[in-house]
Amino acid sequence: MDEKREGKTSLMNEELKREDTVPSQRPRSPRVPVEFAVVLDGHDPDGEPFHAEAIAVKVSRGGATLVTEATVQLGTSIRLTPPYGRTIEAEVNGIWTDATDGKQRIGVKLLDANGWFAE
């Protein structure tokens, strides 16, 4: 009976280990509320280039939430140009409409390891 119990425990432990490897949808670093303009450049779902304005409403070391009317898809590569400097490469990793104001939000992952703070 102890062998059966040990076998069940091992299976449970293996299942718990697998659950730990599922990637989290939560940001890896805290997002800070902000409000500044960002210019977006990329290609729409039809492959046509676009140039659009957005407002950054939350930022973290590795990403941001932007309010924009730009038509993008998950996985779209875009370039962000904040008012203070260099262009930052990013990838769209979320798209939703905020229920409070009805505006489209996009989540972006910055592709530079140093994020907003790279030199």
Protein backbone atom coordinates (compact mmCIF):
# COMPACT_ATOMS: atom_id res chain seq x y z
CA MET A 1 0.00 0.00 0.00
CA ASP A 2 2.89 2.38 0.72
CA GLU A 3 4.20 1.76 -2.81
CA LYS A 4 0.81 2.79 -4.25
CA ARG A 5 0.73 5.89 -2.08
CA GLU A 6 4.29 6.83 -3.10
CA GLY A 7 3.37 6.31 -6.77
CA LYS A 8 0.34 8.60 -6.44
CA THR A 9 2.39 11.24 -4.68
CA SER A 10 4.99 11.11 -7.43
CA LEU A 11 2.31 11.52 -10.08
CA MET A 12 0.84 14.49 -8.20
CA ASN A 13 4.25 16.07 -7.91
CA GLU A 14 4.87 15.61 -11.65
CA GLU A 15 1.47 17.20 -12.43
CA LEU A 16 2.26 20.15 -10.15
CA LYS A 17 5.65 20.60 -11.84
CA ARG A 18 3.96 20.72 -15.27
CA GLU A 19 1.46 23.32 -14.05
CA ASP A 20 4.36 25.50 -12.93
CA THR A 21 5.74 25.58 -16.48
CA VAL A 22 2.61 27.15 -17.99
CA PRO A 23 3.53 30.75 -18.89
CA SER A 24 1.76 33.43 -16.89
CA GLN A 25 -0.20 36.20 -18.61
CA ARG A 26 0.78 38.62 -15.87
CA PRO A 27 3.49 41.21 -16.56
CA ARG A 28 6.94 40.26 -15.23
CA SER A 29 7.49 43.71 -13.77
CA PRO A 30 4.94 46.19 -12.40
CA ARG A 31 3.23 48.51 -14.86
CA VAL A 32 3.22 52.16 -13.89
CA PRO A 33 0.38 54.52 -14.88
CA VAL A 34 1.62 57.23 -17.29
CA GLU A 35 0.25 59.42 -20.05
CA PHE A 36 2.45 60.36 -22.98
CA ALA A 37 2.15 60.31 -26.75
CA VAL A 38 3.79 57.58 -28.82
CA VAL A 39 4.04 57.28 -32.60
CA LEU A 40 3.45 53.77 -33.99
CA ASP A 41 4.83 52.53 -37.29
CA GLY A 42 4.23 49.09 -38.74
CA HIS A 43 2.13 47.14 -41.21
CA ASP A 44 -1.61 46.52 -40.96
CA PRO A 45 -3.16 43.04 -41.46
CA ASP A 46 -3.24 43.66 -45.25
CA GLY A 47 0.51 44.36 -45.28
CA GLU A 48 0.07 48.08 -45.84
CA PRO A 49 2.38 50.37 -43.87
CA PHE A 50 0.76 52.55 -41.22
CA HIS A 51 1.79 55.53 -39.15
CA ALA A 52 -0.49 56.18 -36.15
CA GLU A 53 -0.61 57.99 -32.87
CA ALA A 54 -1.14 56.34 -29.50
CA ILE A 55 -1.16 57.26 -25.85
CA ALA A 56 0.90 55.16 -23.44
CA VAL A 57 -1.22 54.63 -20.33
CA LYS A 58 0.92 52.04 -18.52
CA VAL A 59 4.57 51.13 -18.92
CA SER A 60 6.95 48.61 -17.42
CA ARG A 61 10.56 47.76 -18.09
CA GLY A 62 9.55 45.32 -20.82
CA GLY A 63 6.19 46.48 -22.16
CA ALA A 64 3.32 48.90 -22.25
CA THR A 65 -0.39 49.38 -22.66
CA LEU A 66 -1.27 51.84 -25.43
CA VAL A 67 -4.55 53.44 -26.47
CA THR A 68 -4.73 53.60 -30.27
CA GLU A 69 -7.09 53.28 -33.20
CA ALA A 70 -4.42 51.52 -35.30
CA THR A 71 -5.56 48.22 -36.81
CA VAL A 72 -3.09 45.59 -35.64
CA GLN A 73 -3.07 41.86 -34.97
CA LEU A 74 -1.46 39.78 -32.26
CA GLY A 75 2.18 39.23 -33.09
CA THR A 76 2.44 42.35 -35.26
CA SER A 77 5.91 43.93 -35.13
CA ILE A 78 5.75 47.69 -34.60
CA ARG A 79 8.12 50.55 -33.90
CA LEU A 80 7.32 52.94 -31.04
CA THR A 81 8.71 56.44 -30.96
CA PRO A 82 8.15 58.19 -27.63
CA PRO A 83 8.52 61.98 -27.39
CA TYR A 84 11.85 61.77 -25.59
CA GLY A 85 13.94 59.86 -28.04
CA ARG A 86 14.87 56.72 -29.83
CA THR A 87 12.65 54.27 -31.69
CA ILE A 88 11.88 51.03 -29.85
CA GLU A 89 10.99 47.74 -31.57
CA ALA A 90 7.97 45.97 -30.06
CA GLU A 91 5.49 43.17 -30.65
CA VAL A 92 1.73 43.33 -30.07
CA ASN A 93 0.78 40.75 -27.44
CA GLY A 94 -2.75 41.85 -26.54
CA ILE A 95 -5.69 43.73 -28.07
CA TRP A 96 -8.91 44.65 -26.27
CA THR A 97 -11.56 47.31 -25.92
CA ASP A 98 -11.77 48.95 -22.52
CA ALA A 99 -15.30 48.77 -21.13
CA THR A 100 -15.01 52.12 -19.32
CA ASP A 101 -14.32 54.29 -22.37
CA GLY A 102 -14.85 51.99 -25.36
CA LYS A 103 -11.34 52.69 -26.70
CA GLN A 104 -9.02 50.07 -28.08
CA ARG A 105 -6.00 49.12 -25.99
CA ILE A 106 -3.00 47.14 -27.17
CA GLY A 107 -0.40 45.46 -25.04
CA VAL A 108 3.12 45.47 -26.42
CA LYS A 109 6.25 43.60 -25.48
CA LEU A 110 9.43 45.60 -26.03
CA LEU A 111 11.99 43.59 -27.97
CA ASP A 112 15.04 45.42 -26.57
CA ALA A 113 16.17 43.73 -23.34
CA ASN A 114 16.63 47.16 -21.72
CA GLY A 115 13.17 48.33 -22.75
CA TRP A 116 12.36 52.00 -22.41
CA PHE A 117 15.57 52.64 -20.52
CA ALA A 118 18.14 51.50 -23.11
CA GLU A 119 20.68 54.04 -24.26
